[in-house]
Amino acid sequence: MRLQLALNVTDLDEAIDFYTKMFDTEPYKVKPGYANWEIAQPPLKLVLFENPAAAPGSLNHLGVETDSADEVVAAEGRLSTAGLETTGIDDTICCFAEKVETWLTAPDGNRWEWYVKQADHETQLENMVVSSGAGESSGSVCCD
């Protein structure tokens, strides 16, 4: 497992240059308005979304990337049993990847994605579910 940090940036090219130098690692994937790194040390999935309307460097969402769909299902079960509202398990295409995922929202509004990437994909958004405010599903939005 590794943590995921997804940031909004105003200039993707400038941010790619900065984070490539900072972590001494080239991006794993770069698409229009999107880049991600699979950083070994520290274990981190860094994702950037070009979003000029958002505050520069603001948090897009957080995540936990697992090694298997079974881990996502187990986490969703544990979270639900603990009384946290999730979106349930969904097979999605999101952020240029096929995923099994569940979403939840922290009391402060930070969105968390618990997921496993099953394959790369050429599409950024399709059939997404994301939790909004107080644990209610907001419909088909992902990685905005």
N, C-alpha and C. Protein backbone atom coordinates (compact mmCIF):
# COMPACT_ATOMS: atom_id res chain seq x y z
N MET A 1 0.83 -1.18 0.00
CA MET A 1 0.00 0.00 0.00
C MET A 1 0.87 1.24 0.00
N ARG A 2 0.33 2.30 -0.52
CA ARG A 2 0.99 3.61 -0.44
C ARG A 2 -0.08 4.68 -0.43
N LEU A 3 0.26 5.82 0.16
CA LEU A 3 -0.66 6.95 0.18
C LEU A 3 -0.65 7.66 -1.16
N GLN A 4 -1.77 8.25 -1.50
CA GLN A 4 -1.90 9.05 -2.71
C GLN A 4 -2.18 10.49 -2.30
N LEU A 5 -1.51 11.41 -2.94
CA LEU A 5 -1.72 12.84 -2.75
C LEU A 5 -2.04 13.42 -4.11
N ALA A 6 -3.24 13.98 -4.27
CA ALA A 6 -3.66 14.56 -5.54
C ALA A 6 -3.80 16.07 -5.36
N LEU A 7 -3.04 16.83 -6.15
CA LEU A 7 -3.01 18.28 -6.03
C LEU A 7 -3.55 18.96 -7.27
N ASN A 8 -4.17 20.11 -7.08
CA ASN A 8 -4.54 20.99 -8.18
C ASN A 8 -3.36 21.90 -8.46
N VAL A 9 -3.01 22.08 -9.73
CA VAL A 9 -1.93 22.99 -10.12
C VAL A 9 -2.41 23.90 -11.24
N THR A 10 -1.83 25.09 -11.33
CA THR A 10 -2.24 26.02 -12.38
C THR A 10 -1.46 25.82 -13.67
N ASP A 11 -0.21 25.36 -13.58
CA ASP A 11 0.63 25.16 -14.75
C ASP A 11 1.22 23.76 -14.66
N LEU A 12 0.66 22.82 -15.42
CA LEU A 12 1.08 21.42 -15.33
C LEU A 12 2.55 21.24 -15.70
N ASP A 13 3.00 21.86 -16.78
CA ASP A 13 4.40 21.69 -17.21
C ASP A 13 5.37 22.15 -16.13
N GLU A 14 5.10 23.30 -15.52
CA GLU A 14 5.95 23.82 -14.46
C GLU A 14 5.94 22.87 -13.26
N ALA A 15 4.77 22.36 -12.90
CA ALA A 15 4.66 21.45 -11.77
C ALA A 15 5.38 20.12 -12.06
N ILE A 16 5.25 19.61 -13.27
CA ILE A 16 5.95 18.37 -13.64
C ILE A 16 7.45 18.56 -13.48
N ASP A 17 7.97 19.66 -13.96
CA ASP A 17 9.39 19.95 -13.83
C ASP A 17 9.81 19.99 -12.36
N PHE A 18 9.04 20.68 -11.53
CA PHE A 18 9.36 20.81 -10.11
C PHE A 18 9.35 19.45 -9.41
N TYR A 19 8.26 18.69 -9.55
CA TYR A 19 8.14 17.43 -8.81
C TYR A 19 9.08 16.35 -9.35
N THR A 20 9.42 16.39 -10.64
CA THR A 20 10.41 15.47 -11.19
C THR A 20 11.76 15.70 -10.52
N LYS A 21 12.13 16.96 -10.38
CA LYS A 21 13.39 17.29 -9.71
C LYS A 21 13.33 16.99 -8.22
N MET A 22 12.21 17.34 -7.58
CA MET A 22 12.08 17.14 -6.14
C MET A 22 12.23 15.67 -5.74
N PHE A 23 11.57 14.77 -6.49
CA PHE A 23 11.60 13.35 -6.14
C PHE A 23 12.61 12.56 -6.98
N ASP A 24 13.33 13.25 -7.89
CA ASP A 24 14.32 12.61 -8.75
C ASP A 24 13.72 11.41 -9.48
N THR A 25 12.48 11.60 -9.95
CA THR A 25 11.73 10.53 -10.62
C THR A 25 10.88 11.13 -11.73
N GLU A 26 10.92 10.52 -12.90
CA GLU A 26 10.08 10.96 -14.01
C GLU A 26 8.63 10.53 -13.75
N PRO A 27 7.66 11.27 -14.27
CA PRO A 27 6.27 10.86 -14.11
C PRO A 27 6.02 9.49 -14.75
N TYR A 28 5.13 8.73 -14.15
CA TYR A 28 4.72 7.45 -14.70
C TYR A 28 3.78 7.67 -15.90
N LYS A 29 2.91 8.68 -15.76
CA LYS A 29 1.91 8.94 -16.80
C LYS A 29 1.68 10.44 -16.92
N VAL A 30 1.67 10.95 -18.16
CA VAL A 30 1.34 12.35 -18.42
C VAL A 30 0.29 12.37 -19.54
N LYS A 31 -0.82 13.02 -19.26
CA LYS A 31 -1.92 13.19 -20.21
C LYS A 31 -2.31 14.67 -20.19
N PRO A 32 -3.11 15.13 -21.12
CA PRO A 32 -3.52 16.54 -21.08
C PRO A 32 -4.20 16.87 -19.74
N GLY A 33 -3.62 17.83 -19.03
CA GLY A 33 -4.17 18.27 -17.76
C GLY A 33 -3.93 17.34 -16.59
N TYR A 34 -3.07 16.33 -16.75
CA TYR A 34 -2.94 15.28 -15.74
C TYR A 34 -1.53 14.70 -15.76
N ALA A 35 -0.99 14.40 -14.59
CA ALA A 35 0.28 13.67 -14.48
C ALA A 35 0.27 12.89 -13.17
N ASN A 36 0.97 11.73 -13.18
CA ASN A 36 1.14 11.02 -11.92
C ASN A 36 2.50 10.36 -11.85
N TRP A 37 2.95 10.18 -10.62
CA TRP A 37 4.22 9.54 -10.31
C TRP A 37 3.95 8.35 -9.41
N GLU A 38 4.77 7.31 -9.57
CA GLU A 38 4.79 6.18 -8.65
C GLU A 38 6.16 6.23 -7.97
N ILE A 39 6.23 6.92 -6.87
CA ILE A 39 7.49 7.20 -6.20
C ILE A 39 7.80 6.08 -5.20
N ALA A 40 9.01 5.52 -5.31
CA ALA A 40 9.40 4.41 -4.44
C ALA A 40 9.74 4.89 -3.03
N GLN A 41 10.51 5.96 -2.95
CA GLN A 41 10.93 6.47 -1.65
C GLN A 41 10.75 7.97 -1.59
N PRO A 42 9.88 8.48 -0.76
CA PRO A 42 8.97 7.75 0.11
C PRO A 42 7.86 7.12 -0.72
N PRO A 43 7.28 6.00 -0.26
CA PRO A 43 6.22 5.36 -1.05
C PRO A 43 5.02 6.29 -1.20
N LEU A 44 4.84 6.82 -2.40
CA LEU A 44 3.82 7.84 -2.63
C LEU A 44 3.32 7.77 -4.06
N LYS A 45 2.03 7.90 -4.21
CA LYS A 45 1.41 8.10 -5.53
C LYS A 45 1.08 9.59 -5.58
N LEU A 46 1.81 10.36 -6.36
CA LEU A 46 1.58 11.80 -6.51
C LEU A 46 0.83 12.04 -7.80
N VAL A 47 -0.30 12.75 -7.72
CA VAL A 47 -1.14 13.01 -8.87
C VAL A 47 -1.36 14.52 -8.97
N LEU A 48 -1.23 15.06 -10.19
CA LEU A 48 -1.46 16.48 -10.42
C LEU A 48 -2.60 16.64 -11.42
N PHE A 49 -3.49 17.58 -11.11
CA PHE A 49 -4.57 17.95 -12.01
C PHE A 49 -4.40 19.42 -12.36
N GLU A 50 -4.29 19.73 -13.64
CA GLU A 50 -4.22 21.13 -14.05
C GLU A 50 -5.62 21.71 -13.88
N ASN A 51 -5.74 22.66 -12.97
CA ASN A 51 -7.05 23.21 -12.62
C ASN A 51 -6.86 24.68 -12.27
N PRO A 52 -6.77 25.56 -13.27
CA PRO A 52 -6.53 26.98 -13.01
C PRO A 52 -7.60 27.65 -12.14
N ALA A 53 -8.80 27.09 -12.06
CA ALA A 53 -9.85 27.69 -11.25
C ALA A 53 -9.67 27.41 -9.76
N ALA A 54 -8.91 26.38 -9.42
CA ALA A 54 -8.69 26.03 -8.02
C ALA A 54 -7.53 26.84 -7.46
N ALA A 55 -7.47 26.94 -6.15
CA ALA A 55 -6.35 27.61 -5.51
C ALA A 55 -5.06 26.86 -5.84
N PRO A 56 -4.00 27.57 -6.25
CA PRO A 56 -2.75 26.90 -6.61
C PRO A 56 -2.25 26.00 -5.48
N GLY A 57 -1.92 24.76 -5.84
CA GLY A 57 -1.38 23.82 -4.86
C GLY A 57 -2.41 23.27 -3.91
N SER A 58 -3.70 23.53 -4.16
CA SER A 58 -4.72 23.05 -3.23
C SER A 58 -4.91 21.54 -3.38
N LEU A 59 -5.45 20.96 -2.36
CA LEU A 59 -5.68 19.53 -2.32
C LEU A 59 -6.87 19.17 -3.20
N ASN A 60 -6.69 18.21 -4.09
CA ASN A 60 -7.79 17.69 -4.89
C ASN A 60 -8.46 16.56 -4.12
N HIS A 61 -7.68 15.55 -3.75
CA HIS A 61 -8.17 14.48 -2.89
C HIS A 61 -6.99 13.68 -2.38
N LEU A 62 -7.25 12.80 -1.43
CA LEU A 62 -6.26 11.90 -0.87
C LEU A 62 -6.68 10.48 -1.20
N GLY A 63 -5.75 9.55 -1.08
CA GLY A 63 -6.12 8.18 -1.38
C GLY A 63 -5.20 7.18 -0.74
N VAL A 64 -5.67 5.94 -0.75
CA VAL A 64 -4.86 4.79 -0.35
C VAL A 64 -4.91 3.82 -1.52
N GLU A 65 -3.76 3.58 -2.13
CA GLU A 65 -3.67 2.64 -3.23
C GLU A 65 -3.29 1.28 -2.67
N THR A 66 -4.10 0.26 -2.96
CA THR A 66 -3.85 -1.09 -2.45
C THR A 66 -3.28 -1.96 -3.55
N ASP A 67 -2.98 -3.20 -3.18
CA ASP A 67 -2.44 -4.15 -4.14
C ASP A 67 -3.50 -5.02 -4.80
N SER A 68 -4.72 -5.05 -4.23
CA SER A 68 -5.74 -5.94 -4.80
C SER A 68 -7.14 -5.39 -4.55
N ALA A 69 -8.08 -5.86 -5.37
CA ALA A 69 -9.49 -5.51 -5.18
C ALA A 69 -10.00 -6.07 -3.86
N ASP A 70 -9.50 -7.22 -3.44
CA ASP A 70 -9.91 -7.80 -2.15
C ASP A 70 -9.60 -6.84 -1.00
N GLU A 71 -8.47 -6.13 -1.09
CA GLU A 71 -8.11 -5.17 -0.04
C GLU A 71 -9.07 -3.97 -0.04
N VAL A 72 -9.52 -3.57 -1.23
CA VAL A 72 -10.49 -2.48 -1.31
C VAL A 72 -11.81 -2.92 -0.69
N VAL A 73 -12.26 -4.12 -1.01
CA VAL A 73 -13.51 -4.65 -0.47
C VAL A 73 -13.41 -4.77 1.05
N ALA A 74 -12.28 -5.27 1.55
CA ALA A 74 -12.08 -5.40 3.00
C ALA A 74 -12.08 -4.04 3.67
N ALA A 75 -11.43 -3.06 3.07
CA ALA A 75 -11.39 -1.71 3.65
C ALA A 75 -12.78 -1.10 3.66
N GLU A 76 -13.53 -1.27 2.57
CA GLU A 76 -14.88 -0.72 2.51
C GLU A 76 -15.76 -1.35 3.59
N GLY A 77 -15.63 -2.66 3.79
CA GLY A 77 -16.38 -3.34 4.84
C GLY A 77 -16.02 -2.83 6.22
N ARG A 78 -14.72 -2.67 6.46
CA ARG A 78 -14.26 -2.16 7.76
C ARG A 78 -14.74 -0.73 8.00
N LEU A 79 -14.66 0.11 6.97
CA LEU A 79 -15.09 1.50 7.11
C LEU A 79 -16.59 1.58 7.37
N SER A 80 -17.38 0.80 6.64
CA SER A 80 -18.83 0.80 6.83
C SER A 80 -19.20 0.28 8.21
N THR A 81 -18.54 -0.79 8.64
CA THR A 81 -18.80 -1.36 9.97
C THR A 81 -18.47 -0.36 11.07
N ALA A 82 -17.47 0.48 10.81
CA ALA A 82 -17.07 1.50 11.79
C ALA A 82 -18.01 2.70 11.78
N GLY A 83 -19.03 2.67 10.91
CA GLY A 83 -20.01 3.74 10.88
C GLY A 83 -19.67 4.87 9.92
N LEU A 84 -18.66 4.69 9.07
CA LEU A 84 -18.31 5.72 8.09
C LEU A 84 -19.07 5.44 6.80
N GLU A 85 -19.66 6.47 6.23
CA GLU A 85 -20.42 6.30 4.99
C GLU A 85 -19.48 6.34 3.80
N THR A 86 -19.58 5.32 2.96
CA THR A 86 -18.78 5.23 1.75
C THR A 86 -19.71 5.24 0.54
N THR A 87 -19.11 5.29 -0.63
CA THR A 87 -19.90 5.21 -1.86
C THR A 87 -20.18 3.78 -2.25
N GLY A 88 -19.62 2.83 -1.52
CA GLY A 88 -19.72 1.43 -1.92
C GLY A 88 -18.63 1.12 -2.93
N ILE A 89 -18.50 -0.13 -3.26
CA ILE A 89 -17.47 -0.56 -4.21
C ILE A 89 -17.96 -0.31 -5.63
N ASP A 90 -17.07 0.22 -6.47
CA ASP A 90 -17.44 0.48 -7.85
C ASP A 90 -16.26 0.16 -8.76
N ASP A 91 -16.54 -0.45 -9.90
CA ASP A 91 -15.55 -0.61 -10.96
C ASP A 91 -15.64 0.64 -11.81
N THR A 92 -14.54 1.35 -11.98
CA THR A 92 -14.58 2.63 -12.67
C THR A 92 -13.44 2.78 -13.67
N ILE A 93 -13.60 3.77 -14.51
CA ILE A 93 -12.48 4.29 -15.29
C ILE A 93 -12.34 5.72 -14.81
N CYS A 94 -11.21 6.02 -14.22
CA CYS A 94 -10.97 7.31 -13.59
C CYS A 94 -9.49 7.61 -13.63
N CYS A 95 -9.16 8.84 -13.94
CA CYS A 95 -7.75 9.26 -13.90
C CYS A 95 -6.88 8.41 -14.82
N PHE A 96 -7.41 8.09 -16.00
CA PHE A 96 -6.70 7.31 -17.01
C PHE A 96 -6.35 5.91 -16.52
N ALA A 97 -7.22 5.32 -15.68
CA ALA A 97 -6.98 3.97 -15.18
C ALA A 97 -8.30 3.26 -14.92
N GLU A 98 -8.28 1.94 -15.08
CA GLU A 98 -9.40 1.10 -14.65
C GLU A 98 -9.16 0.77 -13.19
N LYS A 99 -10.19 0.99 -12.36
CA LYS A 99 -10.01 0.83 -10.91
C LYS A 99 -11.20 0.13 -10.28
N VAL A 100 -10.93 -0.44 -9.12
CA VAL A 100 -11.96 -0.83 -8.17
C VAL A 100 -11.75 0.13 -7.01
N GLU A 101 -12.83 0.83 -6.58
CA GLU A 101 -12.64 1.88 -5.59
C GLU A 101 -13.87 2.10 -4.74
N THR A 102 -13.64 2.77 -3.63
CA THR A 102 -14.69 3.32 -2.79
C THR A 102 -14.21 4.69 -2.33
N TRP A 103 -15.16 5.59 -2.07
CA TRP A 103 -14.83 6.95 -1.64
C TRP A 103 -15.52 7.25 -0.32
N LEU A 104 -14.92 8.12 0.48
CA LEU A 104 -15.55 8.65 1.68
C LEU A 104 -15.04 10.06 1.91
N THR A 105 -15.75 10.79 2.73
CA THR A 105 -15.40 12.18 2.99
C THR A 105 -15.17 12.37 4.48
N ALA A 106 -14.02 12.96 4.83
CA ALA A 106 -13.68 13.25 6.22
C ALA A 106 -14.53 14.41 6.74
N PRO A 107 -14.64 14.54 8.05
CA PRO A 107 -15.45 15.63 8.61
C PRO A 107 -15.03 17.02 8.13
N ASP A 108 -13.75 17.20 7.79
CA ASP A 108 -13.28 18.51 7.32
C ASP A 108 -13.50 18.71 5.83
N GLY A 109 -14.11 17.72 5.17
CA GLY A 109 -14.41 17.83 3.75
C GLY A 109 -13.39 17.21 2.82
N ASN A 110 -12.25 16.75 3.34
CA ASN A 110 -11.27 16.11 2.47
C ASN A 110 -11.83 14.79 1.95
N ARG A 111 -11.73 14.61 0.62
CA ARG A 111 -12.20 13.38 -0.01
C ARG A 111 -11.08 12.35 -0.03
N TRP A 112 -11.43 11.11 0.31
CA TRP A 112 -10.49 9.99 0.32
C TRP A 112 -10.97 8.92 -0.64
N GLU A 113 -10.05 8.43 -1.45
CA GLU A 113 -10.31 7.34 -2.39
C GLU A 113 -9.53 6.12 -1.91
N TRP A 114 -10.17 4.99 -1.74
CA TRP A 114 -9.51 3.73 -1.40
C TRP A 114 -9.64 2.87 -2.65
N TYR A 115 -8.52 2.48 -3.29
CA TYR A 115 -8.61 1.89 -4.63
C TYR A 115 -7.45 0.98 -4.98
N VAL A 116 -7.66 0.20 -6.05
CA VAL A 116 -6.60 -0.54 -6.71
C VAL A 116 -6.70 -0.23 -8.20
N LYS A 117 -5.58 0.06 -8.81
CA LYS A 117 -5.53 0.26 -10.27
C LYS A 117 -5.36 -1.10 -10.91
N GLN A 118 -6.27 -1.41 -11.84
CA GLN A 118 -6.18 -2.71 -12.51
C GLN A 118 -5.52 -2.63 -13.88
N ALA A 119 -5.61 -1.47 -14.54
CA ALA A 119 -4.98 -1.30 -15.84
C ALA A 119 -4.96 0.19 -16.20
N ASP A 120 -4.04 0.56 -17.07
CA ASP A 120 -4.05 1.91 -17.61
C ASP A 120 -5.19 2.03 -18.62
N HIS A 121 -5.65 3.26 -18.84
CA HIS A 121 -6.75 3.50 -19.78
C HIS A 121 -6.54 4.86 -20.43
N GLU A 122 -7.04 5.03 -21.63
CA GLU A 122 -6.88 6.30 -22.37
C GLU A 122 -7.91 7.35 -21.98
N THR A 123 -8.91 6.99 -21.21
CA THR A 123 -9.98 7.91 -20.81
C THR A 123 -9.74 8.41 -19.40
N GLN A 124 -9.99 9.69 -19.17
CA GLN A 124 -9.82 10.23 -17.82
C GLN A 124 -11.03 9.95 -16.95
N LEU A 125 -12.23 10.17 -17.47
CA LEU A 125 -13.43 10.07 -16.65
C LEU A 125 -14.50 9.22 -17.31
N GLU A 126 -15.07 8.29 -16.51
CA GLU A 126 -16.18 7.49 -17.00
C GLU A 126 -16.73 6.67 -15.84
N ASN A 127 -18.01 6.74 -15.59
CA ASN A 127 -18.65 5.91 -14.56
C ASN A 127 -18.05 6.09 -13.17
N MET A 128 -17.77 7.32 -12.77
CA MET A 128 -17.16 7.55 -11.47
C MET A 128 -18.19 7.79 -10.40
N VAL A 129 -17.84 7.42 -9.20
CA VAL A 129 -18.66 7.74 -8.04
C VAL A 129 -17.73 8.37 -7.03
N VAL A 130 -18.15 9.48 -6.46
CA VAL A 130 -17.34 10.13 -5.43
C VAL A 130 -18.27 10.63 -4.35
N SER A 131 -17.79 10.57 -3.14
CA SER A 131 -18.58 11.02 -2.01
C SER A 131 -18.48 12.53 -1.89
N SER A 132 -19.60 13.19 -1.62
CA SER A 132 -19.59 14.63 -1.38
C SER A 132 -19.67 14.86 0.12
N GLY A 133 -19.80 16.04 0.55
CA GLY A 133 -19.93 16.43 1.94
C GLY A 133 -20.13 15.36 2.97
N ALA A 134 -21.31 15.25 3.52
CA ALA A 134 -21.57 14.41 4.69
C ALA A 134 -21.77 12.95 4.31
N GLY A 135 -20.92 12.41 3.47
CA GLY A 135 -21.00 11.00 3.15
C GLY A 135 -22.04 10.66 2.10
N GLU A 136 -22.65 11.65 1.47
CA GLU A 136 -23.65 11.37 0.45
C GLU A 136 -22.98 11.31 -0.90
N SER A 137 -23.44 10.40 -1.74
CA SER A 137 -22.89 10.26 -3.07
C SER A 137 -23.31 11.46 -3.92
N SER A 138 -22.34 12.00 -4.66
CA SER A 138 -22.64 13.16 -5.50
C SER A 138 -22.79 12.77 -6.97
N GLY A 139 -22.75 11.48 -7.25
CA GLY A 139 -22.96 11.06 -8.64
C GLY A 139 -21.66 10.86 -9.38
N SER A 140 -21.65 11.17 -10.68
CA SER A 140 -20.52 10.79 -11.52
C SER A 140 -19.48 11.88 -11.64
N VAL A 141 -18.68 12.01 -10.63
CA VAL A 141 -17.55 12.92 -10.63
C VAL A 141 -16.37 12.19 -10.05
N CYS A 142 -15.20 12.34 -10.64
CA CYS A 142 -14.02 11.66 -10.11
C CYS A 142 -12.81 12.55 -10.33
N CYS A 143 -11.97 12.60 -9.38
CA CYS A 143 -10.68 13.25 -9.56
C CYS A 143 -10.82 14.63 -10.18
N ASP A 144 -11.80 15.41 -9.74
CA ASP A 144 -12.03 16.70 -10.37
C ASP A 144 -11.00 17.69 -10.02
